[in-house]
Structure formats: C-alpha cells, structure tokens
N, C-alpha and C. Protein backbone atom coordinates (compact mmCIF):
# COMPACT_ATOMS: atom_id res chain seq x y z
N MET A 1 0.84 -1.18 0.00
CA MET A 1 0.00 0.00 0.00
C MET A 1 0.89 1.25 0.00
N ILE A 2 0.80 2.00 -1.04
CA ILE A 2 1.48 3.30 -1.12
C ILE A 2 0.46 4.28 -1.68
N LYS A 3 0.36 5.42 -1.02
CA LYS A 3 -0.65 6.40 -1.40
C LYS A 3 -0.09 7.80 -1.21
N GLU A 4 -0.42 8.68 -2.13
CA GLU A 4 -0.06 10.09 -1.97
C GLU A 4 -1.22 10.79 -1.27
N PHE A 5 -0.87 11.66 -0.32
CA PHE A 5 -1.89 12.40 0.42
C PHE A 5 -1.46 13.86 0.45
N ILE A 6 -2.40 14.74 0.15
CA ILE A 6 -2.11 16.17 0.16
C ILE A 6 -2.65 16.76 1.47
N LEU A 7 -1.76 17.35 2.23
CA LEU A 7 -2.14 17.98 3.49
C LEU A 7 -2.96 19.24 3.24
N LYS A 8 -3.64 19.70 4.26
CA LYS A 8 -4.45 20.92 4.13
C LYS A 8 -3.62 22.12 3.68
N ASP A 9 -2.34 22.14 4.04
CA ASP A 9 -1.50 23.28 3.65
C ASP A 9 -0.86 23.09 2.27
N GLY A 10 -1.22 22.01 1.57
CA GLY A 10 -0.75 21.79 0.20
C GLY A 10 0.47 20.89 0.07
N ARG A 11 1.15 20.59 1.16
CA ARG A 11 2.31 19.69 1.07
C ARG A 11 1.84 18.27 0.76
N LYS A 12 2.65 17.55 -0.03
CA LYS A 12 2.34 16.18 -0.38
C LYS A 12 3.18 15.23 0.45
N VAL A 13 2.52 14.21 0.99
CA VAL A 13 3.23 13.16 1.73
C VAL A 13 2.89 11.83 1.09
N ILE A 14 3.76 10.88 1.29
CA ILE A 14 3.52 9.50 0.87
C ILE A 14 3.13 8.72 2.11
N ILE A 15 2.04 7.99 2.02
CA ILE A 15 1.60 7.14 3.13
C ILE A 15 1.80 5.69 2.70
N LYS A 16 2.45 4.94 3.58
CA LYS A 16 2.74 3.56 3.25
C LYS A 16 2.91 2.73 4.51
N LYS A 17 2.85 1.42 4.33
CA LYS A 17 3.18 0.52 5.44
C LYS A 17 4.67 0.64 5.67
N LEU A 18 5.07 0.85 6.91
CA LEU A 18 6.48 1.04 7.23
C LEU A 18 7.16 -0.28 7.58
N THR A 19 8.41 -0.38 7.19
CA THR A 19 9.22 -1.55 7.49
C THR A 19 10.47 -1.09 8.25
N ILE A 20 11.20 -2.04 8.74
CA ILE A 20 12.46 -1.72 9.41
C ILE A 20 13.38 -0.98 8.44
N GLU A 21 13.36 -1.37 7.17
CA GLU A 21 14.21 -0.72 6.17
C GLU A 21 13.87 0.76 6.03
N ASP A 22 12.57 1.11 6.12
CA ASP A 22 12.18 2.53 6.06
C ASP A 22 12.80 3.32 7.20
N TYR A 23 12.90 2.71 8.37
CA TYR A 23 13.48 3.39 9.53
C TYR A 23 15.00 3.47 9.43
N LYS A 24 15.60 2.46 8.81
CA LYS A 24 17.07 2.46 8.67
C LYS A 24 17.52 3.47 7.60
N LYS A 25 16.70 3.65 6.58
CA LYS A 25 17.06 4.54 5.47
C LYS A 25 17.22 5.97 5.97
N ASP A 26 18.34 6.58 5.62
CA ASP A 26 18.62 7.98 5.95
C ASP A 26 18.46 8.30 7.44
N ASN A 27 18.76 7.34 8.31
CA ASN A 27 18.64 7.52 9.76
C ASN A 27 17.24 7.97 10.18
N ASN A 28 16.22 7.41 9.52
CA ASN A 28 14.85 7.81 9.83
C ASN A 28 14.45 7.49 11.27
N TYR A 29 14.94 6.37 11.83
CA TYR A 29 14.56 6.09 13.21
C TYR A 29 15.06 7.20 14.13
N GLU A 30 16.29 7.61 13.94
CA GLU A 30 16.86 8.67 14.77
C GLU A 30 16.08 9.97 14.59
N PHE A 31 15.66 10.26 13.36
CA PHE A 31 14.86 11.45 13.09
C PHE A 31 13.52 11.38 13.82
N VAL A 32 12.84 10.24 13.70
CA VAL A 32 11.55 10.08 14.39
C VAL A 32 11.74 10.21 15.90
N HIS A 33 12.76 9.55 16.42
CA HIS A 33 13.01 9.59 17.87
C HIS A 33 13.23 11.03 18.34
N SER A 34 13.87 11.85 17.51
CA SER A 34 14.13 13.24 17.93
C SER A 34 12.85 14.07 17.94
N TRP A 35 11.99 13.93 16.93
CA TRP A 35 10.79 14.75 16.94
C TRP A 35 9.72 14.19 17.85
N ILE A 36 9.70 12.89 18.03
CA ILE A 36 8.67 12.30 18.89
C ILE A 36 8.89 12.76 20.34
N ASN A 37 10.13 13.07 20.67
CA ASN A 37 10.43 13.61 22.00
C ASN A 37 9.74 14.95 22.22
N GLN A 38 9.49 15.69 21.14
CA GLN A 38 8.80 16.98 21.25
C GLN A 38 7.31 16.83 21.53
N VAL A 39 6.73 15.68 21.18
CA VAL A 39 5.29 15.49 21.36
C VAL A 39 4.98 14.45 22.44
N ASN A 40 6.00 13.97 23.16
CA ASN A 40 5.74 12.87 24.07
C ASN A 40 4.99 13.25 25.35
N LYS A 41 4.63 14.51 25.49
CA LYS A 41 3.80 14.89 26.63
C LYS A 41 2.51 14.06 26.62
N TYR A 42 2.03 13.74 25.44
CA TYR A 42 0.77 13.01 25.31
C TYR A 42 0.95 11.56 24.90
N LEU A 43 2.16 11.03 25.02
CA LEU A 43 2.40 9.62 24.70
C LEU A 43 2.69 8.84 25.97
N ASN A 44 2.46 7.54 25.92
CA ASN A 44 2.67 6.70 27.10
C ASN A 44 4.15 6.45 27.40
N ALA A 45 5.00 6.66 26.43
CA ALA A 45 6.43 6.42 26.64
C ALA A 45 7.20 7.74 26.50
N GLU A 46 8.37 7.76 27.08
CA GLU A 46 9.25 8.91 26.90
C GLU A 46 10.34 8.51 25.91
N PHE A 47 10.76 9.44 25.12
CA PHE A 47 11.77 9.17 24.11
C PHE A 47 12.97 10.08 24.37
N ASN A 48 13.83 9.62 25.26
CA ASN A 48 15.00 10.40 25.64
C ASN A 48 16.20 9.96 24.81
N LYS A 49 17.11 10.90 24.55
CA LYS A 49 18.30 10.61 23.74
C LYS A 49 19.07 9.40 24.26
N GLU A 50 19.22 9.33 25.57
CA GLU A 50 20.03 8.24 26.13
C GLU A 50 19.39 6.87 25.94
N ASP A 51 18.10 6.83 25.59
CA ASP A 51 17.40 5.56 25.39
C ASP A 51 17.24 5.20 23.92
N LEU A 52 17.85 5.96 23.02
CA LEU A 52 17.65 5.79 21.59
C LEU A 52 17.91 4.37 21.12
N GLU A 53 19.05 3.80 21.45
CA GLU A 53 19.38 2.45 20.96
C GLU A 53 18.44 1.40 21.53
N ARG A 54 18.10 1.52 22.79
CA ARG A 54 17.15 0.57 23.40
C ARG A 54 15.78 0.69 22.74
N ASP A 55 15.31 1.93 22.54
CA ASP A 55 14.01 2.16 21.91
C ASP A 55 13.99 1.63 20.49
N LYS A 56 15.08 1.85 19.76
CA LYS A 56 15.16 1.37 18.38
C LYS A 56 15.06 -0.15 18.34
N LYS A 57 15.80 -0.81 19.21
CA LYS A 57 15.79 -2.27 19.27
C LYS A 57 14.37 -2.79 19.55
N GLU A 58 13.68 -2.17 20.50
CA GLU A 58 12.32 -2.58 20.84
C GLU A 58 11.36 -2.35 19.68
N TRP A 59 11.48 -1.21 19.00
CA TRP A 59 10.59 -0.90 17.88
C TRP A 59 10.82 -1.86 16.73
N TYR A 60 12.07 -2.17 16.42
CA TYR A 60 12.38 -3.12 15.35
C TYR A 60 11.84 -4.50 15.70
N LYS A 61 11.89 -4.85 16.97
CA LYS A 61 11.34 -6.14 17.41
C LYS A 61 9.83 -6.18 17.15
N TYR A 62 9.13 -5.09 17.49
CA TYR A 62 7.69 -5.02 17.22
C TYR A 62 7.40 -5.14 15.73
N LEU A 63 8.15 -4.39 14.94
CA LEU A 63 7.91 -4.38 13.49
C LEU A 63 8.18 -5.73 12.84
N SER A 64 9.00 -6.56 13.47
CA SER A 64 9.33 -7.85 12.88
C SER A 64 8.30 -8.93 13.22
N THR A 65 7.27 -8.59 13.99
CA THR A 65 6.22 -9.56 14.31
C THR A 65 5.01 -9.31 13.43
N THR A 66 4.11 -10.29 13.42
CA THR A 66 2.85 -10.12 12.68
C THR A 66 1.80 -9.41 13.52
N ASP A 67 2.13 -9.15 14.78
CA ASP A 67 1.18 -8.49 15.69
C ASP A 67 1.18 -6.97 15.57
N GLU A 68 2.16 -6.40 14.89
CA GLU A 68 2.29 -4.94 14.82
C GLU A 68 2.30 -4.50 13.37
N ILE A 69 1.42 -3.57 13.05
CA ILE A 69 1.37 -2.99 11.70
C ILE A 69 1.60 -1.50 11.86
N ALA A 70 2.58 -0.98 11.16
CA ALA A 70 2.89 0.45 11.24
C ALA A 70 2.65 1.10 9.88
N ILE A 71 1.92 2.18 9.90
CA ILE A 71 1.66 2.99 8.71
C ILE A 71 2.35 4.32 8.95
N GLY A 72 2.97 4.86 7.93
CA GLY A 72 3.67 6.11 8.13
C GLY A 72 3.49 7.09 6.99
N ALA A 73 3.74 8.33 7.31
CA ALA A 73 3.71 9.40 6.32
C ALA A 73 5.14 9.87 6.13
N ILE A 74 5.54 9.98 4.86
CA ILE A 74 6.91 10.37 4.53
C ILE A 74 6.86 11.67 3.73
N TYR A 75 7.67 12.63 4.19
CA TYR A 75 7.78 13.91 3.51
C TYR A 75 9.26 14.18 3.28
N ASP A 76 9.62 14.41 2.05
CA ASP A 76 11.01 14.71 1.70
C ASP A 76 11.96 13.62 2.23
N GLY A 77 11.53 12.37 2.12
CA GLY A 77 12.36 11.24 2.53
C GLY A 77 12.37 10.94 4.02
N LYS A 78 11.67 11.74 4.82
CA LYS A 78 11.68 11.56 6.27
C LYS A 78 10.30 11.14 6.78
N ILE A 79 10.28 10.27 7.78
CA ILE A 79 9.03 9.83 8.40
C ILE A 79 8.55 10.94 9.32
N ILE A 80 7.37 11.50 9.01
CA ILE A 80 6.87 12.63 9.79
C ILE A 80 5.55 12.30 10.51
N GLY A 81 5.10 11.07 10.37
CA GLY A 81 3.90 10.65 11.08
C GLY A 81 3.82 9.14 11.08
N THR A 82 3.36 8.58 12.19
CA THR A 82 3.19 7.13 12.28
C THR A 82 1.90 6.81 13.01
N ALA A 83 1.30 5.73 12.59
CA ALA A 83 0.16 5.15 13.32
C ALA A 83 0.40 3.65 13.31
N SER A 84 0.25 3.04 14.45
CA SER A 84 0.49 1.60 14.53
C SER A 84 -0.74 0.90 15.08
N LEU A 85 -0.95 -0.28 14.57
CA LEU A 85 -2.05 -1.15 15.00
C LEU A 85 -1.44 -2.38 15.62
N ARG A 86 -1.79 -2.63 16.86
CA ARG A 86 -1.31 -3.82 17.56
C ARG A 86 -2.45 -4.84 17.62
N LEU A 87 -2.15 -6.01 17.10
CA LEU A 87 -3.12 -7.10 17.09
C LEU A 87 -2.85 -8.05 18.26
N ASN A 88 -3.84 -8.82 18.61
CA ASN A 88 -3.71 -9.80 19.69
C ASN A 88 -3.84 -11.21 19.12
N LEU A 89 -3.03 -11.55 18.16
CA LEU A 89 -3.18 -12.80 17.41
C LEU A 89 -2.96 -14.05 18.27
N LYS A 90 -2.18 -13.94 19.32
CA LYS A 90 -1.86 -15.11 20.13
C LYS A 90 -2.91 -15.42 21.19
N SER A 91 -3.85 -14.53 21.39
CA SER A 91 -4.85 -14.70 22.45
C SER A 91 -6.23 -14.98 21.85
N LYS A 92 -6.74 -16.17 22.09
CA LYS A 92 -8.06 -16.52 21.56
C LYS A 92 -9.16 -15.61 22.14
N LYS A 93 -9.00 -15.22 23.38
CA LYS A 93 -10.03 -14.42 24.03
C LYS A 93 -10.06 -12.96 23.58
N THR A 94 -8.94 -12.46 23.10
CA THR A 94 -8.90 -11.04 22.74
C THR A 94 -8.43 -10.79 21.31
N ARG A 95 -8.37 -11.80 20.48
CA ARG A 95 -7.86 -11.58 19.12
C ARG A 95 -8.80 -10.74 18.27
N HIS A 96 -10.00 -10.51 18.73
CA HIS A 96 -10.96 -9.66 18.01
C HIS A 96 -10.77 -8.17 18.32
N VAL A 97 -9.84 -7.86 19.23
CA VAL A 97 -9.61 -6.49 19.67
C VAL A 97 -8.18 -6.06 19.29
N GLY A 98 -8.07 -4.85 18.76
CA GLY A 98 -6.76 -4.28 18.48
C GLY A 98 -6.64 -2.93 19.16
N ASP A 99 -5.43 -2.46 19.29
CA ASP A 99 -5.26 -1.11 19.81
C ASP A 99 -4.25 -0.38 18.93
N TRP A 100 -4.36 0.93 18.94
CA TRP A 100 -3.51 1.74 18.07
C TRP A 100 -2.87 2.88 18.83
N GLY A 101 -1.83 3.41 18.21
CA GLY A 101 -1.16 4.60 18.70
C GLY A 101 -0.80 5.47 17.51
N ILE A 102 -0.62 6.73 17.75
CA ILE A 102 -0.33 7.66 16.66
C ILE A 102 0.59 8.77 17.16
N ALA A 103 1.47 9.22 16.30
CA ALA A 103 2.33 10.37 16.60
C ALA A 103 2.63 11.09 15.29
N ILE A 104 2.59 12.41 15.35
CA ILE A 104 2.83 13.23 14.16
C ILE A 104 3.82 14.34 14.52
N HIS A 105 4.76 14.55 13.63
CA HIS A 105 5.76 15.61 13.80
C HIS A 105 5.04 16.93 14.04
N PRO A 106 5.50 17.75 15.00
CA PRO A 106 4.81 19.01 15.32
C PRO A 106 4.62 19.95 14.13
N ASP A 107 5.52 19.93 13.16
CA ASP A 107 5.38 20.81 12.00
C ASP A 107 4.27 20.38 11.05
N PHE A 108 3.65 19.23 11.32
CA PHE A 108 2.61 18.70 10.43
C PHE A 108 1.27 18.54 11.15
N HIS A 109 1.16 19.08 12.36
CA HIS A 109 -0.10 19.00 13.10
C HIS A 109 -1.19 19.82 12.40
N ASN A 110 -2.44 19.42 12.63
CA ASN A 110 -3.62 20.15 12.15
C ASN A 110 -3.66 20.29 10.63
N ASN A 111 -3.22 19.26 9.94
CA ASN A 111 -3.23 19.25 8.48
C ASN A 111 -4.00 18.07 7.91
N GLY A 112 -4.74 17.35 8.74
CA GLY A 112 -5.54 16.22 8.27
C GLY A 112 -4.81 14.89 8.26
N LEU A 113 -3.55 14.89 8.65
CA LEU A 113 -2.76 13.67 8.59
C LEU A 113 -3.21 12.64 9.63
N GLY A 114 -3.51 13.08 10.83
CA GLY A 114 -3.97 12.16 11.87
C GLY A 114 -5.24 11.44 11.45
N MET A 115 -6.18 12.18 10.92
CA MET A 115 -7.44 11.60 10.43
C MET A 115 -7.15 10.57 9.34
N GLU A 116 -6.28 10.91 8.41
CA GLU A 116 -5.96 10.00 7.30
C GLU A 116 -5.29 8.72 7.81
N LEU A 117 -4.30 8.85 8.68
CA LEU A 117 -3.61 7.67 9.19
C LEU A 117 -4.54 6.76 9.99
N LEU A 118 -5.37 7.35 10.82
CA LEU A 118 -6.27 6.52 11.63
C LEU A 118 -7.39 5.91 10.78
N THR A 119 -7.81 6.57 9.74
CA THR A 119 -8.80 5.98 8.83
C THR A 119 -8.20 4.74 8.16
N ILE A 120 -6.94 4.81 7.79
CA ILE A 120 -6.27 3.65 7.19
C ILE A 120 -6.13 2.53 8.23
N ILE A 121 -5.77 2.88 9.45
CA ILE A 121 -5.65 1.88 10.52
C ILE A 121 -6.99 1.19 10.73
N GLU A 122 -8.08 1.96 10.76
CA GLU A 122 -9.40 1.36 10.94
C GLU A 122 -9.76 0.42 9.78
N LYS A 123 -9.42 0.82 8.57
CA LYS A 123 -9.70 -0.02 7.41
C LYS A 123 -8.94 -1.35 7.51
N ILE A 124 -7.68 -1.28 7.89
CA ILE A 124 -6.88 -2.49 8.06
C ILE A 124 -7.48 -3.37 9.16
N ALA A 125 -7.89 -2.75 10.26
CA ALA A 125 -8.48 -3.50 11.37
C ALA A 125 -9.74 -4.23 10.91
N GLU A 126 -10.58 -3.54 10.16
CA GLU A 126 -11.80 -4.18 9.66
C GLU A 126 -11.47 -5.32 8.70
N GLU A 127 -10.49 -5.10 7.82
CA GLU A 127 -10.09 -6.15 6.88
C GLU A 127 -9.53 -7.37 7.60
N LYS A 128 -8.88 -7.15 8.75
CA LYS A 128 -8.35 -8.26 9.55
C LYS A 128 -9.45 -8.94 10.36
N GLY A 129 -10.68 -8.43 10.28
CA GLY A 129 -11.79 -9.03 10.99
C GLY A 129 -11.95 -8.61 12.43
N LEU A 130 -11.25 -7.55 12.83
CA LEU A 130 -11.39 -7.09 14.21
C LEU A 130 -12.80 -6.56 14.45
N ILE A 131 -13.25 -6.73 15.64
CA ILE A 131 -14.57 -6.24 16.03
C ILE A 131 -14.43 -4.92 16.78
N LYS A 132 -13.29 -4.74 17.44
CA LYS A 132 -13.14 -3.56 18.28
C LYS A 132 -11.73 -3.01 18.21
N LEU A 133 -11.66 -1.68 18.24
CA LEU A 133 -10.38 -0.98 18.39
C LEU A 133 -10.42 -0.19 19.69
N GLU A 134 -9.30 -0.17 20.37
CA GLU A 134 -9.17 0.58 21.61
C GLU A 134 -7.96 1.50 21.55
N ALA A 135 -8.01 2.55 22.31
CA ALA A 135 -6.89 3.47 22.44
C ALA A 135 -7.12 4.29 23.70
N ASP A 136 -6.22 5.20 23.96
CA ASP A 136 -6.41 6.12 25.07
C ASP A 136 -5.71 7.43 24.76
N PHE A 137 -6.10 8.46 25.48
CA PHE A 137 -5.44 9.75 25.36
C PHE A 137 -5.48 10.43 26.71
N TYR A 138 -4.64 11.42 26.89
CA TYR A 138 -4.56 12.12 28.16
C TYR A 138 -5.57 13.24 28.22
N ASP A 139 -6.20 13.37 29.35
CA ASP A 139 -7.12 14.48 29.58
C ASP A 139 -6.36 15.79 29.35
N GLY A 140 -6.95 16.67 28.61
CA GLY A 140 -6.30 17.94 28.30
C GLY A 140 -5.75 18.00 26.88
N ASN A 141 -5.68 16.86 26.21
CA ASN A 141 -5.21 16.83 24.82
C ASN A 141 -6.41 17.10 23.91
N LYS A 142 -6.69 18.37 23.70
CA LYS A 142 -7.89 18.78 22.96
C LYS A 142 -7.88 18.31 21.51
N SER A 143 -6.71 18.28 20.88
CA SER A 143 -6.63 17.81 19.49
C SER A 143 -7.05 16.35 19.41
N ALA A 144 -6.55 15.53 20.33
CA ALA A 144 -6.91 14.11 20.35
C ALA A 144 -8.40 13.95 20.63
N GLU A 145 -8.91 14.71 21.58
CA GLU A 145 -10.32 14.62 21.93
C GLU A 145 -11.20 14.93 20.71
N THR A 146 -10.88 15.97 19.99
CA THR A 146 -11.66 16.35 18.80
C THR A 146 -11.57 15.28 17.73
N LEU A 147 -10.36 14.83 17.43
CA LEU A 147 -10.18 13.83 16.37
C LEU A 147 -10.84 12.51 16.73
N TYR A 148 -10.57 12.00 17.90
CA TYR A 148 -11.04 10.66 18.25
C TYR A 148 -12.55 10.62 18.52
N LEU A 149 -13.04 11.57 19.30
CA LEU A 149 -14.43 11.51 19.72
C LEU A 149 -15.39 12.14 18.72
N LYS A 150 -15.02 13.28 18.18
CA LYS A 150 -15.96 14.00 17.30
C LYS A 150 -15.84 13.60 15.84
N LYS A 151 -14.62 13.44 15.35
CA LYS A 151 -14.44 13.14 13.93
C LYS A 151 -14.48 11.65 13.63
N LEU A 152 -13.87 10.83 14.49
CA LEU A 152 -13.81 9.40 14.23
C LEU A 152 -14.84 8.59 15.02
N ASN A 153 -15.60 9.27 15.87
CA ASN A 153 -16.72 8.65 16.59
C ASN A 153 -16.34 7.52 17.56
N TYR A 154 -15.19 7.65 18.19
CA TYR A 154 -14.87 6.72 19.28
C TYR A 154 -15.71 7.12 20.48
N LYS A 155 -15.94 6.17 21.36
CA LYS A 155 -16.72 6.40 22.57
C LYS A 155 -15.81 6.28 23.78
N ILE A 156 -16.07 7.12 24.77
CA ILE A 156 -15.32 7.02 26.02
C ILE A 156 -15.81 5.79 26.76
N GLU A 157 -14.87 4.94 27.16
CA GLU A 157 -15.21 3.71 27.87
C GLU A 157 -14.78 3.76 29.34
N GLY A 158 -13.98 4.74 29.67
CA GLY A 158 -13.54 4.83 31.05
C GLY A 158 -12.50 5.92 31.23
N ARG A 159 -12.18 6.13 32.47
CA ARG A 159 -11.20 7.16 32.84
C ARG A 159 -10.36 6.58 33.96
N ARG A 160 -9.05 6.63 33.78
CA ARG A 160 -8.12 6.20 34.82
C ARG A 160 -7.59 7.46 35.50
N LYS A 161 -8.09 7.72 36.68
CA LYS A 161 -7.74 8.92 37.43
C LYS A 161 -6.26 8.94 37.81
N TYR A 162 -5.65 10.11 37.67
CA TYR A 162 -4.25 10.32 38.06
C TYR A 162 -3.32 9.26 37.46
N ALA A 163 -3.59 8.84 36.25
CA ALA A 163 -2.85 7.73 35.63
C ALA A 163 -1.46 8.13 35.15
N ILE A 164 -1.27 9.40 34.84
CA ILE A 164 -0.03 9.84 34.23
C ILE A 164 0.57 11.00 35.03
N LEU A 165 1.87 10.89 35.28
CA LEU A 165 2.62 11.97 35.92
C LEU A 165 3.40 12.69 34.83
N LEU A 166 3.07 13.94 34.60
CA LEU A 166 3.76 14.73 33.58
C LEU A 166 5.09 15.26 34.13
N LYS A 167 5.94 15.71 33.21
CA LYS A 167 7.27 16.22 33.61
C LYS A 167 7.18 17.41 34.55
N ASP A 168 6.07 18.18 34.46
CA ASP A 168 5.93 19.36 35.32
C ASP A 168 5.43 19.01 36.72
N GLY A 169 5.26 17.70 36.99
CA GLY A 169 4.84 17.27 38.33
C GLY A 169 3.34 17.16 38.51
N THR A 170 2.55 17.46 37.48
CA THR A 170 1.10 17.33 37.61
C THR A 170 0.64 15.95 37.12
N TYR A 171 -0.49 15.55 37.64
CA TYR A 171 -1.09 14.28 37.24
C TYR A 171 -2.27 14.56 36.33
N VAL A 172 -2.45 13.69 35.33
CA VAL A 172 -3.62 13.80 34.46
C VAL A 172 -4.28 12.43 34.35
N ASP A 173 -5.55 12.47 34.00
CA ASP A 173 -6.30 11.24 33.80
C ASP A 173 -6.05 10.70 32.39
N LYS A 174 -6.13 9.40 32.26
CA LYS A 174 -6.06 8.76 30.96
C LYS A 174 -7.51 8.42 30.57
N ILE A 175 -7.91 8.84 29.37
CA ILE A 175 -9.26 8.60 28.86
C ILE A 175 -9.18 7.37 27.95
N CYS A 176 -9.92 6.33 28.30
CA CYS A 176 -9.94 5.09 27.51
C CYS A 176 -11.10 5.16 26.52
N ILE A 177 -10.81 4.88 25.25
CA ILE A 177 -11.83 4.98 24.20
C ILE A 177 -11.87 3.68 23.40
N GLY A 178 -13.00 3.49 22.72
CA GLY A 178 -13.14 2.31 21.88
C GLY A 178 -14.13 2.55 20.76
N LYS A 179 -14.05 1.69 19.77
CA LYS A 179 -14.96 1.73 18.63
C LYS A 179 -15.24 0.29 18.22
N ILE A 180 -16.52 0.00 18.00
CA ILE A 180 -16.93 -1.35 17.61
C ILE A 180 -17.34 -1.35 16.15
N PHE A 181 -16.84 -2.34 15.41
CA PHE A 181 -17.19 -2.53 14.01
C PHE A 181 -18.29 -3.58 13.94
N LYS A 182 -19.52 -3.14 13.99
CA LYS A 182 -20.65 -4.07 14.08
C LYS A 182 -20.75 -5.00 12.88
N ARG A 183 -20.32 -4.54 11.70
CA ARG A 183 -20.45 -5.41 10.52
C ARG A 183 -19.53 -6.62 10.60
N ASN A 184 -18.55 -6.61 11.49
CA ASN A 184 -17.66 -7.75 11.64
C ASN A 184 -18.15 -8.75 12.69
N ILE A 185 -19.21 -8.42 13.41
CA ILE A 185 -19.74 -9.31 14.43
C ILE A 185 -20.55 -10.41 13.76
N LYS A 186 -20.13 -11.64 14.03
CA LYS A 186 -20.85 -12.80 13.46
C LYS A 186 -21.99 -13.16 14.41
N LYS A 187 -23.14 -13.37 13.83
CA LYS A 187 -24.30 -13.72 14.67
C LYS A 187 -24.70 -15.15 14.47
C-alpha cells in the first residue's frame, strides 16, 4: 500500500506501510526519535536521547512480528507521522480487539494527517476481521479529543484517574476509548 496524500497546507506526503528498512534509510529512526520527543507529553512512553538504541531495538522487534502494523507518512524522505495497529493474534479471548497509537511531527499538526492515518488503521483492522479498536489519550489533549471523539466517533469507555505523571509534576487522567465494528460481528 502506497498512497499520496495532500495535506491541508498543500504539502504532499507519501503514506505507506512502514518496514524496518524505512526506519534504517537515511537515519529515519533517529529522526523520528528526535521529533517524537517533542510530542511525548501526550504519549505513554518517553523518548530520551540516552534511550535511543534501546528504543530502536524494541521498535524493530515489534515491526518484525505479525502483531504490529505500522503505517507512516513520509515527507522529503523523512518519516513525519506514524500510526500503529497492535493485534492480539496469540490470544483466543482477545484476538478480536486491536489497539492503536499515533504520533505526528509538530510541523505537520492540524493538516488532516492524523485523520488519514487513523482511517487507514481502521480499514486495516476491519479487513483483519477485528470487532473492536481501543486506544487512550490524556485528559487535556484537545486535538486528540476532537479527532477521536468528534471526527472518528470513538466512545469514552472509562477514565483512569491520576494515571499519568507529567514532567511538570502534575497528574492527568487517561481517557480510555473504543470503537466497535458491528459489521464484523458474526451472529
């Protein structure tokens, strides 16, 4: 799957399934690791320089399994957005449920890329026969709230109070969301 996508500001990006080779090319993993550190206030993991090699090894391990599908946006040869779908293929009880994560370079925010990447992730999930997708976001992340709840129609399924300690010493709640694909439910 390779697709050209035009951002709201007119820039063209290539959207494709990402491989380890895409990350190795032109030091793309290091590039992603550097910009993802700028947006990690709203991510579950921290991406610190001193953890680069460890993080790279873990990400390559995920990408080498059939349980992880990564879609990315490439601009001028660099990965500027990623969305990943994690499948539960080894678990009979939860193999119908997947979860996703997304991160976009700060210079490309509010250009329709998040919507496009997550729409592709949802399509892949449906094609894989998943019945449900789950994700979460931090309370206070208004962009995520608008995209996930209003534009993509996810539903709030719960709130984990004081779940995240931010770098500034404040705690925020984690909002758990989900979406059910009713057409995939066998009756």
